Amino acid sequence: MIEAHGLAKRFGDKTAVDGITFSVQPGKVTGFLGPNGAGKSTTMRMIVGLDRPTAGSVRVNGAPYASHKAPLREVGALLEARAVHPRRTAYNHLRALAATHGIGKKRINQVIEQTGLGPVAKKRVGSFSMGMGQRLGIAVALLGDPRTLIFDEPVNGLDPEGVQWVRHLARGLAAEGRTVFISSHLMSEMAVTADHLIVIGRGRILADAPMEQVIAGGGRERSLVRSDDAAALAAAIGSDGVEVRRLAPDQLVVLGLSARGIAEAALSRRILVTELTPQTTSLEDAYMELTHGEVEYESQGIEQGGKETPNHP
């Protein structure tokens, strides 16, 4: 179990994490979502003692990480998979870590087999692909057979088989009663992996709820609309509680107004609508709703050149 209370981290005049309180429960996969720069990695680093909080506290399995006598047996973490000496073999890297906790060769061989590292276990890590580096990082996290697992972007560099393997691994660990805390930018994968979500933006928690509640909470009615006079239609339907987003010169996404309401507004102003498609809310939709306005860098539409421009508060 992970318990954070008033957790904050500042770097100079920049606040990375802004006094957040949350808990990650055993027996379920908790997804940790947020835009780049939201504070996810900093939060995870504070959990395992790599960054010292400016304020607040965080406990893992009832105690601060640093106070555990055998931390590998309590918490397994994948934060920086490539933080391995490139001339060391995968096997020797695991053996060196195992020696610090009295973990035997049998367990080393088990995690090598479990993570698919067998064919490359005696090869130097410097020759590994990104995906194999991720598998080694996961093997390190599993080495002490810990009660709590923390994975930061574990599917980076993995092929589809590897992505599916991480999904089944996370759900299997949770089914064993372990605490599993996992971040990812792949919404489609998180939607089928996580049971509970914590969403963070600009260092503050935006949502902390079961998956279905997060999706329902972002469930404003949503429709895709095409019209030769999209600007006039946007002006006609724009009002309090209705948001209109321009995807292309003739294409809009309308949130907060029913398809019938859009059709009636277009008809009353004799605006031709060539497409009107109600859309089902997905995790990605709910996430975009929650984090809209909370991103540090926001990509602009194609008609504006597709450049990234700062979106500072």
C-alpha atoms as a PDB file:
ATOM      1  CA  MET A   1       0.000   0.000   0.000  1.00  0.00           C
ATOM      2  CA  ILE A   2       1.176   3.536  -0.783  1.00  0.00           C
ATOM      3  CA  GLU A   3      -0.051   6.484   1.303  1.00  0.00           C
ATOM      4  CA  ALA A   4       0.839  10.097   0.498  1.00  0.00           C
ATOM      5  CA  HIS A   5      -0.214  13.040   2.669  1.00  0.00           C
ATOM      6  CA  GLY A   6       0.279  16.654   1.590  1.00  0.00           C
ATOM      7  CA  LEU A   7       3.147  15.568  -0.660  1.00  0.00           C
ATOM      8  CA  ALA A   8       4.920  18.503  -2.311  1.00  0.00           C
ATOM      9  CA  LYS A   9       8.105  19.072  -4.263  1.00  0.00           C
ATOM     10  CA  ARG A  10       9.554  22.356  -5.456  1.00  0.00           C
ATOM     11  CA  PHE A  11      12.639  22.911  -7.576  1.00  0.00           C
ATOM     12  CA  GLY A  12      13.573  26.536  -7.020  1.00  0.00           C
ATOM     13  CA  ASP A  13      10.542  28.616  -7.943  1.00  0.00           C
ATOM     14  CA  LYS A  14       8.879  25.742  -9.842  1.00  0.00           C
ATOM     15  CA  THR A  15       6.320  23.578  -8.049  1.00  0.00           C
ATOM     16  CA  ALA A  16       6.427  20.061  -9.489  1.00  0.00           C
ATOM     17  CA  VAL A  17       4.055  18.444  -6.968  1.00  0.00           C
ATOM     18  CA  ASP A  18       1.591  20.633  -5.087  1.00  0.00           C
ATOM     19  CA  GLY A  19       0.553  19.105  -1.753  1.00  0.00           C
ATOM     20  CA  ILE A  20      -1.210  15.976  -2.996  1.00  0.00           C
ATOM     21  CA  THR A  21      -2.869  13.333  -0.835  1.00  0.00           C
ATOM     22  CA  PHE A  22      -3.776   9.884  -2.163  1.00  0.00           C
ATOM     23  CA  SER A  23      -3.527   6.179  -1.438  1.00  0.00           C
ATOM     24  CA  VAL A  24      -2.825   3.209  -3.705  1.00  0.00           C
ATOM     25  CA  GLN A  25      -4.633   0.117  -2.487  1.00  0.00           C
ATOM     26  CA  PRO A  26      -3.529  -3.531  -2.762  1.00  0.00           C
ATOM     27  CA  GLY A  27      -5.413  -5.991  -4.924  1.00  0.00           C
ATOM     28  CA  LYS A  28      -5.985  -3.639  -7.852  1.00  0.00           C
ATOM     29  CA  VAL A  29      -4.054  -1.903 -10.623  1.00  0.00           C
ATOM     30  CA  THR A  30      -3.975   1.857 -10.060  1.00  0.00           C
ATOM     31  CA  GLY A  31      -3.170   3.904 -13.130  1.00  0.00           C
ATOM     32  CA  PHE A  32      -1.317   7.207 -12.771  1.00  0.00           C
ATOM     33  CA  LEU A  33      -2.099   9.603 -15.614  1.00  0.00           C
ATOM     34  CA  GLY A  34      -1.163  13.161 -16.485  1.00  0.00           C
ATOM     35  CA  PRO A  35       0.428  15.305 -19.185  1.00  0.00           C
ATOM     36  CA  ASN A  36       4.187  15.691 -19.527  1.00  0.00           C
ATOM     37  CA  GLY A  37       5.442  17.836 -16.669  1.00  0.00           C
ATOM     38  CA  ALA A  38       2.403  17.060 -14.496  1.00  0.00           C
ATOM     39  CA  GLY A  39       4.507  15.624 -11.662  1.00  0.00           C
ATOM     40  CA  LYS A  40       4.079  11.873 -12.195  1.00  0.00           C
ATOM     41  CA  SER A  41       7.734  10.873 -12.270  1.00  0.00           C
ATOM     42  CA  THR A  42       8.618  13.243  -9.424  1.00  0.00           C
ATOM     43  CA  THR A  43       5.866  11.690  -7.308  1.00  0.00           C
ATOM     44  CA  MET A  44       7.121   8.185  -8.043  1.00  0.00           C
ATOM     45  CA  ARG A  45      10.694   9.210  -7.232  1.00  0.00           C
ATOM     46  CA  MET A  46       9.574  10.589  -3.865  1.00  0.00           C
ATOM     47  CA  ILE A  47       7.783   7.325  -3.087  1.00  0.00           C
ATOM     48  CA  VAL A  48      11.063   5.400  -3.356  1.00  0.00           C
ATOM     49  CA  GLY A  49      13.238   8.061  -1.753  1.00  0.00           C
ATOM     50  CA  LEU A  50      15.066   9.285  -4.859  1.00  0.00           C
ATOM     51  CA  ASP A  51      13.690  12.805  -4.314  1.00  0.00           C
ATOM     52  CA  ARG A  52      13.153  14.315  -0.876  1.00  0.00           C
ATOM     53  CA  PRO A  53       9.730  15.968  -0.438  1.00  0.00           C
ATOM     54  CA  THR A  54       9.675  19.703   0.178  1.00  0.00           C
ATOM     55  CA  ALA A  55       6.627  19.077   2.350  1.00  0.00           C
ATOM     56  CA  GLY A  56       4.365  16.212   3.324  1.00  0.00           C
ATOM     57  CA  SER A  57       5.155  12.521   3.572  1.00  0.00           C
ATOM     58  CA  VAL A  58       4.727   9.232   1.785  1.00  0.00           C
ATOM     59  CA  ARG A  59       4.722   5.734   3.248  1.00  0.00           C
ATOM     60  CA  VAL A  60       4.955   2.359   1.537  1.00  0.00           C
ATOM     61  CA  ASN A  61       3.627  -0.708   3.337  1.00  0.00           C
ATOM     62  CA  GLY A  62       3.311   1.358   6.507  1.00  0.00           C
ATOM     63  CA  ALA A  63       6.723   3.025   6.577  1.00  0.00           C
ATOM     64  CA  PRO A  64       8.922   5.434   4.592  1.00  0.00           C
ATOM     65  CA  TYR A  65      10.810   3.581   1.872  1.00  0.00           C
ATOM     66  CA  ALA A  66      14.228   4.387   3.359  1.00  0.00           C
ATOM     67  CA  SER A  67      13.308   2.823   6.717  1.00  0.00           C
ATOM     68  CA  HIS A  68      12.682  -0.647   5.274  1.00  0.00           C
ATOM     69  CA  LYS A  69      15.549  -3.002   6.116  1.00  0.00           C
ATOM     70  CA  ALA A  70      15.106  -4.945   2.857  1.00  0.00           C
ATOM     71  CA  PRO A  71      13.506  -2.463   0.407  1.00  0.00           C
ATOM     72  CA  LEU A  72      13.695  -4.777  -2.636  1.00  0.00           C
ATOM     73  CA  ARG A  73      11.450  -7.217  -0.766  1.00  0.00           C
ATOM     74  CA  GLU A  74       8.931  -4.450  -0.026  1.00  0.00           C
ATOM     75  CA  VAL A  75       8.894  -2.317  -3.185  1.00  0.00           C
ATOM     76  CA  GLY A  76       9.871  -3.100  -6.752  1.00  0.00           C
ATOM     77  CA  ALA A  77      10.232  -0.050  -8.989  1.00  0.00           C
ATOM     78  CA  LEU A  78      10.816   0.541 -12.677  1.00  0.00           C
ATOM     79  CA  LEU A  79      11.655   4.239 -12.993  1.00  0.00           C
ATOM     80  CA  GLU A  80      14.756   4.496 -15.178  1.00  0.00           C
ATOM     81  CA  ALA A  81      15.245   1.197 -16.979  1.00  0.00           C
ATOM     82  CA  ARG A  82      18.453   2.327 -18.717  1.00  0.00           C
ATOM     83  CA  ALA A  83      20.231   3.207 -15.452  1.00  0.00           C
ATOM     84  CA  VAL A  84      22.487   0.149 -15.775  1.00  0.00           C
ATOM     85  CA  HIS A  85      26.218  -0.072 -16.471  1.00  0.00           C
ATOM     86  CA  PRO A  86      26.319  -0.846 -20.214  1.00  0.00           C
ATOM     87  CA  ARG A  87      29.225  -3.322 -19.934  1.00  0.00           C
ATOM     88  CA  ARG A  88      27.482  -5.463 -17.344  1.00  0.00           C
ATOM     89  CA  THR A  89      25.410  -8.442 -18.480  1.00  0.00           C
ATOM     90  CA  ALA A  90      21.751  -8.672 -17.537  1.00  0.00           C
ATOM     91  CA  TYR A  91      22.467 -11.702 -15.355  1.00  0.00           C
ATOM     92  CA  ASN A  92      25.332 -10.010 -13.509  1.00  0.00           C
ATOM     93  CA  HIS A  93      23.259  -6.891 -12.952  1.00  0.00           C
ATOM     94  CA  LEU A  94      20.522  -8.953 -11.331  1.00  0.00           C
ATOM     95  CA  ARG A  95      23.085 -10.996  -9.380  1.00  0.00           C
ATOM     96  CA  ALA A  96      24.693  -7.855  -7.940  1.00  0.00           C
ATOM     97  CA  LEU A  97      21.345  -6.499  -6.779  1.00  0.00           C
ATOM     98  CA  ALA A  98      20.283  -9.881  -5.416  1.00  0.00           C
ATOM     99  CA  ALA A  99      23.465 -10.086  -3.334  1.00  0.00           C
ATOM    100  CA  THR A 100      22.495  -6.944  -1.417  1.00  0.00           C
ATOM    101  CA  HIS A 101      19.370  -8.698  -0.117  1.00  0.00           C
ATOM    102  CA  GLY A 102      20.502 -12.288   0.164  1.00  0.00           C
ATOM    103  CA  ILE A 103      18.408 -13.333  -2.849  1.00  0.00           C
ATOM    104  CA  GLY A 104      19.562 -16.623  -4.362  1.00  0.00           C
ATOM    105  CA  LYS A 105      20.265 -17.751  -7.929  1.00  0.00           C
ATOM    106  CA  LYS A 106      16.950 -19.575  -8.123  1.00  0.00           C
ATOM    107  CA  ARG A 107      15.022 -16.320  -7.871  1.00  0.00           C
ATOM    108  CA  ILE A 108      17.323 -14.635 -10.397  1.00  0.00           C
ATOM    109  CA  ASN A 109      16.622 -17.413 -12.882  1.00  0.00           C
ATOM    110  CA  GLN A 110      12.885 -17.169 -12.175  1.00  0.00           C
ATOM    111  CA  VAL A 111      12.659 -13.472 -13.053  1.00  0.00           C
ATOM    112  CA  ILE A 112      14.856 -13.960 -16.117  1.00  0.00           C
ATOM    113  CA  GLU A 113      12.439 -16.619 -17.339  1.00  0.00           C
ATOM    114  CA  GLN A 114       9.360 -14.597 -16.348  1.00  0.00           C
ATOM    115  CA  THR A 115      10.489 -11.509 -18.268  1.00  0.00           C
ATOM    116  CA  GLY A 116      11.727 -13.326 -21.378  1.00  0.00           C
ATOM    117  CA  LEU A 117      15.369 -12.369 -20.860  1.00  0.00           C
ATOM    118  CA  GLY A 118      16.719 -15.913 -21.181  1.00  0.00           C
ATOM    119  CA  PRO A 119      18.215 -15.541 -24.692  1.00  0.00           C
ATOM    120  CA  VAL A 120      20.053 -12.307 -23.759  1.00  0.00           C
ATOM    121  CA  ALA A 121      20.814 -12.853 -20.068  1.00  0.00           C
ATOM    122  CA  LYS A 122      24.572 -13.233 -20.701  1.00  0.00           C
ATOM    123  CA  LYS A 123      24.756 -10.278 -23.128  1.00  0.00           C
ATOM    124  CA  ARG A 124      25.944  -6.816 -22.156  1.00  0.00           C
ATOM    125  CA  VAL A 125      23.151  -4.385 -21.411  1.00  0.00           C
ATOM    126  CA  GLY A 126      24.710  -1.741 -23.669  1.00  0.00           C
ATOM    127  CA  SER A 127      23.700  -3.829 -26.686  1.00  0.00           C
ATOM    128  CA  PHE A 128      20.046  -4.098 -25.617  1.00  0.00           C
ATOM    129  CA  SER A 129      17.165  -2.596 -27.520  1.00  0.00           C
ATOM    130  CA  MET A 130      14.873  -0.256 -25.606  1.00  0.00           C
ATOM    131  CA  GLY A 131      12.329  -3.032 -25.220  1.00  0.00           C
ATOM    132  CA  MET A 132      14.841  -5.483 -23.745  1.00  0.00           C
ATOM    133  CA  GLY A 133      16.048  -2.727 -21.415  1.00  0.00           C
ATOM    134  CA  GLN A 134      12.466  -2.347 -20.198  1.00  0.00           C
ATOM    135  CA  ARG A 135      12.216  -6.083 -19.576  1.00  0.00           C
ATOM    136  CA  LEU A 136      15.403  -5.951 -17.509  1.00  0.00           C
ATOM    137  CA  GLY A 137      13.995  -3.049 -15.505  1.00  0.00           C
ATOM    138  CA  ILE A 138      10.846  -5.055 -14.814  1.00  0.00           C
ATOM    139  CA  ALA A 139      12.973  -8.050 -13.802  1.00  0.00           C
ATOM    140  CA  VAL A 140      14.750  -5.836 -11.263  1.00  0.00           C
ATOM    141  CA  ALA A 141      11.386  -4.676  -9.889  1.00  0.00           C
ATOM    142  CA  LEU A 142      10.236  -8.296  -9.492  1.00  0.00           C
ATOM    143  CA  LEU A 143      13.521  -9.594  -8.049  1.00  0.00           C
ATOM    144  CA  GLY A 144      12.639  -9.291  -4.350  1.00  0.00           C
ATOM    145  CA  ASP A 145       9.100 -10.674  -4.839  1.00  0.00           C
ATOM    146  CA  PRO A 146       7.774  -7.417  -3.322  1.00  0.00           C
ATOM    147  CA  ARG A 147       4.305  -6.563  -2.058  1.00  0.00           C
ATOM    148  CA  THR A 148       4.259  -3.231  -3.906  1.00  0.00           C
ATOM    149  CA  LEU A 149       5.174  -2.591  -7.550  1.00  0.00           C
ATOM    150  CA  ILE A 150       5.721   0.815  -9.163  1.00  0.00           C
ATOM    151  CA  PHE A 151       6.081   0.971 -12.959  1.00  0.00           C
ATOM    152  CA  ASP A 152       6.751   4.275 -14.737  1.00  0.00           C
ATOM    153  CA  GLU A 153       5.920   3.917 -18.460  1.00  0.00           C
ATOM    154  CA  PRO A 154       6.691   0.168 -18.503  1.00  0.00           C
ATOM    155  CA  VAL A 155       5.603  -0.430 -22.118  1.00  0.00           C
ATOM    156  CA  ASN A 156       8.015   2.090 -23.674  1.00  0.00           C
ATOM    157  CA  GLY A 157       9.834   0.399 -26.547  1.00  0.00           C
ATOM    158  CA  LEU A 158       7.918  -2.865 -26.274  1.00  0.00           C
ATOM    159  CA  ASP A 159       6.338  -4.570 -29.275  1.00  0.00           C
ATOM    160  CA  PRO A 160       2.627  -5.542 -29.190  1.00  0.00           C
ATOM    161  CA  GLU A 161       3.406  -8.896 -27.575  1.00  0.00           C
ATOM    162  CA  GLY A 162       5.431  -7.124 -24.896  1.00  0.00           C
ATOM    163  CA  VAL A 163       2.676  -4.588 -24.256  1.00  0.00           C
ATOM    164  CA  GLN A 164       0.173  -7.406 -23.787  1.00  0.00           C
ATOM    165  CA  TRP A 165       2.599  -9.219 -21.494  1.00  0.00           C
ATOM    166  CA  VAL A 166       2.941  -6.139 -19.232  1.00  0.00           C
ATOM    167  CA  ARG A 167      -0.857  -5.859 -19.094  1.00  0.00           C
ATOM    168  CA  HIS A 168      -1.257  -9.479 -17.967  1.00  0.00           C
ATOM    169  CA  LEU A 169       1.681  -9.149 -15.561  1.00  0.00           C
ATOM    170  CA  ALA A 170       0.186  -6.084 -13.852  1.00  0.00           C
ATOM    171  CA  ARG A 171      -3.248  -7.651 -13.518  1.00  0.00           C
ATOM    172  CA  GLY A 172      -1.776 -10.934 -12.325  1.00  0.00           C
ATOM    173  CA  LEU A 173       0.268  -9.212  -9.609  1.00  0.00           C
ATOM    174  CA  ALA A 174      -2.807  -7.307  -8.430  1.00  0.00           C
ATOM    175  CA  ALA A 175      -4.835 -10.539  -8.380  1.00  0.00           C
ATOM    176  CA  GLU A 176      -2.250 -11.917  -5.938  1.00  0.00           C
ATOM    177  CA  GLY A 177      -3.121  -9.070  -3.557  1.00  0.00           C
ATOM    178  CA  ARG A 178      -0.154  -6.849  -4.356  1.00  0.00           C
ATOM    179  CA  THR A 179      -0.224  -3.082  -4.787  1.00  0.00           C
ATOM    180  CA  VAL A 180       0.399  -2.112  -8.420  1.00  0.00           C
ATOM    181  CA  PHE A 181       0.958   1.551  -9.357  1.00  0.00           C
ATOM    182  CA  ILE A 182       1.551   2.133 -13.054  1.00  0.00           C
ATOM    183  CA  SER A 183       1.881   5.184 -15.306  1.00  0.00           C
ATOM    184  CA  SER A 184       1.430   5.182 -19.067  1.00  0.00           C
ATOM    185  CA  HIS A 185       0.628   7.543 -21.920  1.00  0.00           C
ATOM    186  CA  LEU A 186      -1.185   4.757 -23.796  1.00  0.00           C
ATOM    187  CA  MET A 187      -4.829   5.410 -22.948  1.00  0.00           C
ATOM    188  CA  SER A 188      -6.066   2.361 -24.850  1.00  0.00           C
ATOM    189  CA  GLU A 189      -3.782   0.143 -22.789  1.00  0.00           C
ATOM    190  CA  MET A 190      -4.578   1.809 -19.484  1.00  0.00           C
ATOM    191  CA  ALA A 191      -8.294   1.410 -20.210  1.00  0.00           C
ATOM    192  CA  VAL A 192      -7.946  -2.394 -20.199  1.00  0.00           C
ATOM    193  CA  THR A 193      -5.306  -2.639 -17.452  1.00  0.00           C
ATOM    194  CA  ALA A 194      -6.231  -0.277 -14.600  1.00  0.00           C
ATOM    195  CA  ASP A 195      -9.044  -0.682 -12.080  1.00  0.00           C
ATOM    196  CA  HIS A 196      -8.562   2.716 -10.445  1.00  0.00           C
ATOM    197  CA  LEU A 197      -7.149   5.990 -11.763  1.00  0.00           C
ATOM    198  CA  ILE A 198      -5.307   8.929 -10.270  1.00  0.00           C
ATOM    199  CA  VAL A 199      -5.041  11.820 -12.729  1.00  0.00           C
ATOM    200  CA  ILE A 200      -2.613  14.649 -12.036  1.00  0.00           C
ATOM    201  CA  GLY A 201      -2.102  18.005 -13.757  1.00  0.00           C
ATOM    202  CA  ARG A 202       0.377  20.757 -12.873  1.00  0.00           C
ATOM    203  CA  GLY A 203       1.192  18.903  -9.676  1.00  0.00           C
ATOM    204  CA  ARG A 204      -2.427  18.719  -8.442  1.00  0.00           C
ATOM    205  CA  ILE A 205      -4.796  15.741  -8.382  1.00  0.00           C
ATOM    206  CA  LEU A 206      -7.612  16.138 -10.909  1.00  0.00           C
ATOM    207  CA  ALA A 207      -9.304  12.785 -10.311  1.00  0.00           C
ATOM    208  CA  ASP A 208      -8.941   9.857  -7.929  1.00  0.00           C
ATOM    209  CA  ALA A 209     -11.647   7.289  -8.599  1.00  0.00           C
ATOM    210  CA  PRO A 210     -12.459   3.894 -10.129  1.00  0.00           C
ATOM    211  CA  MET A 211     -12.022   3.713 -13.904  1.00  0.00           C
ATOM    212  CA  GLU A 212     -15.747   3.734 -14.678  1.00  0.00           C
ATOM    213  CA  GLN A 213     -16.338   6.834 -12.535  1.00  0.00           C
ATOM    214  CA  VAL A 214     -13.531   8.759 -14.230  1.00  0.00           C
ATOM    215  CA  ILE A 215     -14.978   7.945 -17.645  1.00  0.00           C
ATOM    216  CA  ALA A 216     -18.515   8.818 -16.541  1.00  0.00           C
ATOM    217  CA  GLY A 217     -17.292  12.074 -15.006  1.00  0.00           C
ATOM    218  CA  GLY A 218     -15.887  13.143 -18.345  1.00  0.00           C
ATOM    219  CA  GLY A 219     -19.060  12.061 -20.077  1.00  0.00           C
ATOM    220  CA  ARG A 220     -20.485  15.275 -21.460  1.00  0.00           C
ATOM    221  CA  GLU A 221     -22.418  14.585 -24.631  1.00  0.00           C
ATOM    222  CA  ARG A 222     -20.016  14.694 -27.530  1.00  0.00           C
ATOM    223  CA  SER A 223     -20.630  14.875 -31.291  1.00  0.00           C
ATOM    224  CA  LEU A 224     -18.512  15.110 -34.405  1.00  0.00           C
ATOM    225  CA  VAL A 225     -19.929  17.648 -36.876  1.00  0.00           C
ATOM    226  CA  ARG A 226     -19.011  18.595 -40.447  1.00  0.00           C
ATOM    227  CA  SER A 227     -20.365  21.652 -42.221  1.00  0.00           C
ATOM    228  CA  ASP A 228     -19.317  23.867 -45.122  1.00  0.00           C
ATOM    229  CA  ASP A 229     -19.968  26.806 -42.782  1.00  0.00           C
ATOM    230  CA  ALA A 230     -18.460  25.442 -39.570  1.00  0.00           C
ATOM    231  CA  ALA A 231     -17.634  28.901 -38.244  1.00  0.00           C
ATOM    232  CA  ALA A 232     -21.268  30.002 -38.417  1.00  0.00           C
ATOM    233  CA  LEU A 233     -22.421  26.774 -36.805  1.00  0.00           C
ATOM    234  CA  ALA A 234     -19.871  27.172 -33.983  1.00  0.00           C
ATOM    235  CA  ALA A 235     -21.163  30.687 -33.348  1.00  0.00           C
ATOM    236  CA  ALA A 236     -24.763  29.451 -33.341  1.00  0.00           C
ATOM    237  CA  ILE A 237     -24.276  26.699 -30.755  1.00  0.00           C
ATOM    238  CA  GLY A 238     -21.600  28.243 -28.563  1.00  0.00           C
ATOM    239  CA  SER A 239     -22.972  29.068 -25.094  1.00  0.00           C
ATOM    240  CA  ASP A 240     -22.406  28.410 -21.408  1.00  0.00           C
ATOM    241  CA  GLY A 241     -21.884  24.698 -20.896  1.00  0.00           C
ATOM    242  CA  VAL A 242     -21.214  24.035 -24.583  1.00  0.00           C
ATOM    243  CA  GLU A 243     -17.665  23.720 -25.873  1.00  0.00           C
ATOM    244  CA  VAL A 244     -16.807  23.748 -29.565  1.00  0.00           C
ATOM    245  CA  ARG A 245     -13.401  22.576 -30.781  1.00  0.00           C
ATOM    246  CA  ARG A 246     -12.243  23.133 -34.344  1.00  0.00           C
ATOM    247  CA  LEU A 247     -10.526  20.046 -35.779  1.00  0.00           C
ATOM    248  CA  ALA A 248     -10.397  21.232 -39.398  1.00  0.00           C
ATOM    249  CA  PRO A 249     -11.929  24.079 -41.428  1.00  0.00           C
ATOM    250  CA  ASP A 250     -15.131  22.044 -41.910  1.00  0.00           C
ATOM    251  CA  GLN A 251     -15.014  19.820 -38.825  1.00  0.00           C
ATOM    252  CA  LEU A 252     -16.004  20.449 -35.196  1.00  0.00           C
ATOM    253  CA  VAL A 253     -16.249  18.484 -31.990  1.00  0.00           C
ATOM    254  CA  VAL A 254     -19.125  19.726 -29.848  1.00  0.00           C
ATOM    255  CA  LEU A 255     -19.288  18.897 -26.140  1.00  0.00           C
ATOM    256  CA  GLY A 256     -22.223  19.534 -23.828  1.00  0.00           C
ATOM    257  CA  LEU A 257     -24.995  19.708 -26.436  1.00  0.00           C
ATOM    258  CA  SER A 258     -27.058  16.840 -27.808  1.00  0.00           C
ATOM    259  CA  ALA A 259     -26.970  15.890 -31.467  1.00  0.00           C
ATOM    260  CA  ARG A 260     -30.610  16.979 -31.691  1.00  0.00           C
ATOM    261  CA  GLY A 261     -29.736  20.391 -30.250  1.00  0.00           C
ATOM    262  CA  ILE A 262     -26.985  20.817 -32.833  1.00  0.00           C
ATOM    263  CA  ALA A 263     -29.338  19.809 -35.650  1.00  0.00           C
ATOM    264  CA  GLU A 264     -32.038  22.222 -34.466  1.00  0.00           C
ATOM    265  CA  ALA A 265     -29.558  25.127 -34.259  1.00  0.00           C
ATOM    266  CA  ALA A 266     -28.283  24.377 -37.769  1.00  0.00           C
ATOM    267  CA  LEU A 267     -31.811  24.068 -39.177  1.00  0.00           C
ATOM    268  CA  SER A 268     -33.013  27.330 -37.644  1.00  0.00           C
ATOM    269  CA  ARG A 269     -30.110  29.182 -39.303  1.00  0.00           C
ATOM    270  CA  ARG A 270     -30.276  27.187 -42.551  1.00  0.00           C
ATOM    271  CA  ILE A 271     -26.725  25.903 -42.127  1.00  0.00           C
ATOM    272  CA  LEU A 272     -26.002  22.727 -44.085  1.00  0.00           C
ATOM    273  CA  VAL A 273     -24.628  19.903 -41.919  1.00  0.00           C
ATOM    274  CA  THR A 274     -22.938  17.096 -43.856  1.00  0.00           C
ATOM    275  CA  GLU A 275     -22.113  14.906 -40.853  1.00  0.00           C
ATOM    276  CA  LEU A 276     -23.469  14.681 -37.321  1.00  0.00           C
ATOM    277  CA  THR A 277     -22.176  11.708 -35.338  1.00  0.00           C
ATOM    278  CA  PRO A 278     -22.712  11.260 -31.574  1.00  0.00           C
ATOM    279  CA  GLN A 279     -19.581   9.769 -29.989  1.00  0.00           C
ATOM    280  CA  THR A 280     -19.209   7.387 -27.076  1.00  0.00           C
ATOM    281  CA  THR A 281     -17.021   8.697 -24.273  1.00  0.00           C
ATOM    282  CA  SER A 282     -13.738   6.804 -23.894  1.00  0.00           C
ATOM    283  CA  LEU A 283     -10.970   6.996 -21.317  1.00  0.00           C
ATOM    284  CA  GLU A 284      -9.050   9.192 -23.741  1.00  0.00           C
ATOM    285  CA  ASP A 285     -12.032  11.563 -24.018  1.00  0.00           C
ATOM    286  CA  ALA A 286     -12.409  11.734 -20.235  1.00  0.00           C
ATOM    287  CA  TYR A 287      -8.667  12.246 -19.794  1.00  0.00           C
ATOM    288  CA  MET A 288      -8.596  15.068 -22.333  1.00  0.00           C
ATOM    289  CA  GLU A 289     -11.518  16.714 -20.566  1.00  0.00           C
ATOM    290  CA  LEU A 290      -9.818  16.472 -17.180  1.00  0.00           C
ATOM    291  CA  THR A 291      -6.436  17.732 -18.353  1.00  0.00           C
ATOM    292  CA  HIS A 292      -7.654  20.379 -20.806  1.00  0.00           C
ATOM    293  CA  GLY A 293      -5.875  23.557 -19.754  1.00  0.00           C
ATOM    294  CA  GLU A 294      -3.452  21.650 -17.495  1.00  0.00           C
ATOM    295  CA  VAL A 295      -0.796  20.830 -20.111  1.00  0.00           C
ATOM    296  CA  GLU A 296       2.538  22.613 -20.140  1.00  0.00           C
ATOM    297  CA  TYR A 297       2.873  22.369 -23.926  1.00  0.00           C
ATOM    298  CA  GLU A 298      -0.170  22.186 -26.168  1.00  0.00           C
ATOM    299  CA  SER A 299      -0.081  21.189 -29.824  1.00  0.00           C
ATOM    300  CA  GLN A 300      -1.983  23.476 -32.155  1.00  0.00           C
ATOM    301  CA  GLY A 301      -4.223  22.435 -35.057  1.00  0.00           C
ATOM    302  CA  ILE A 302      -2.882  21.659 -38.500  1.00  0.00           C
ATOM    303  CA  GLU A 303      -4.318  24.866 -39.861  1.00  0.00           C
ATOM    304  CA  GLN A 304      -2.069  26.736 -37.414  1.00  0.00           C
ATOM    305  CA  GLY A 305       1.075  24.979 -38.540  1.00  0.00           C
ATOM    306  CA  GLY A 306       1.071  22.089 -36.076  1.00  0.00           C
ATOM    307  CA  LYS A 307       3.680  23.756 -33.882  1.00  0.00           C
ATOM    308  CA  GLU A 308       3.945  23.241 -30.167  1.00  0.00           C
ATOM    309  CA  THR A 309       3.592  26.409 -28.164  1.00  0.00           C
ATOM    310  CA  PRO A 310       3.943  26.929 -24.418  1.00  0.00           C
ATOM    311  CA  ASN A 311       0.673  26.924 -22.522  1.00  0.00           C
ATOM    312  CA  HIS A 312       1.797  28.601 -19.323  1.00  0.00           C
ATOM    313  CA  PRO A 313      -0.670  29.626 -16.649  1.00  0.00           C
END
